[in-house]
Amino acid sequence: MDLLDLNRAAIDVNVRLTGKLEPAHFDLATPCAGWTVRDLLQHQVDMSLKFDAGARGGEARAQADDDLVVAYLVASDQVTESFQAAGFLDREAEFPGFGTHPGRNLVGAHFVDNLVHSWDLCRALGIDSTLDDELALAAYKMARHYPATPDVRGPGAAFGLPLDVPEDASLTDRLVGLLGRSPDWRA
């Protein structure tokens, strides 16, 4: 799969998961410290809108709907379309919170964020959180290159500090551990 396909596949995993949400699910805790399912989904909407703005070189669009499931669908379609613009992967774009970077870096970060948040959502819902091996491996290879700077990893940063996970653990466990989540987290 190419980078754009990986990103869309991660979005599609979340679309399937959010389509199963019931009102009681929105207040469930997630592996993201202090976040409920509602907070997690709001974050995904907000970040998709910010990545879309960075890709287009403009202001962030308004959230499409108060219903977070609808808002996520719309924002995901918008950012997907912006990422698919001719030449986007190779041109410089505004990476939310991190200055300008090649478009491929924005797509890669959006992919990793959406994929790992699908794991968070599965854990919150108490369902199988095993990620597709192809997606998990691609995300793991990308996330290994994330810097260990305070703006990227640690308290208040985009990701937690890496946790020790055995080398023979599943790709899913190694990926989430790399990004500061305990593979054993339970609601």
Foldseek 3Di string as FASTA:
>chain_A
DDLLVLQVVLLVLVLVLVVPDDPVQQQFDWLPPPHGVVRLLVVLLVQLQVLLCQLVVHDRDDQPDPPSSVSNVVSSVSSSVSLPPPPQQADWTQQVPPGIDRSSVSSLVSSLSSNVVSLRSCQRVVHDSDDDQVSLVSNQVVLVPDDPDPQDEPPPHPFHDAADDDPPDGSSQNSNNNRPGHPPDHD
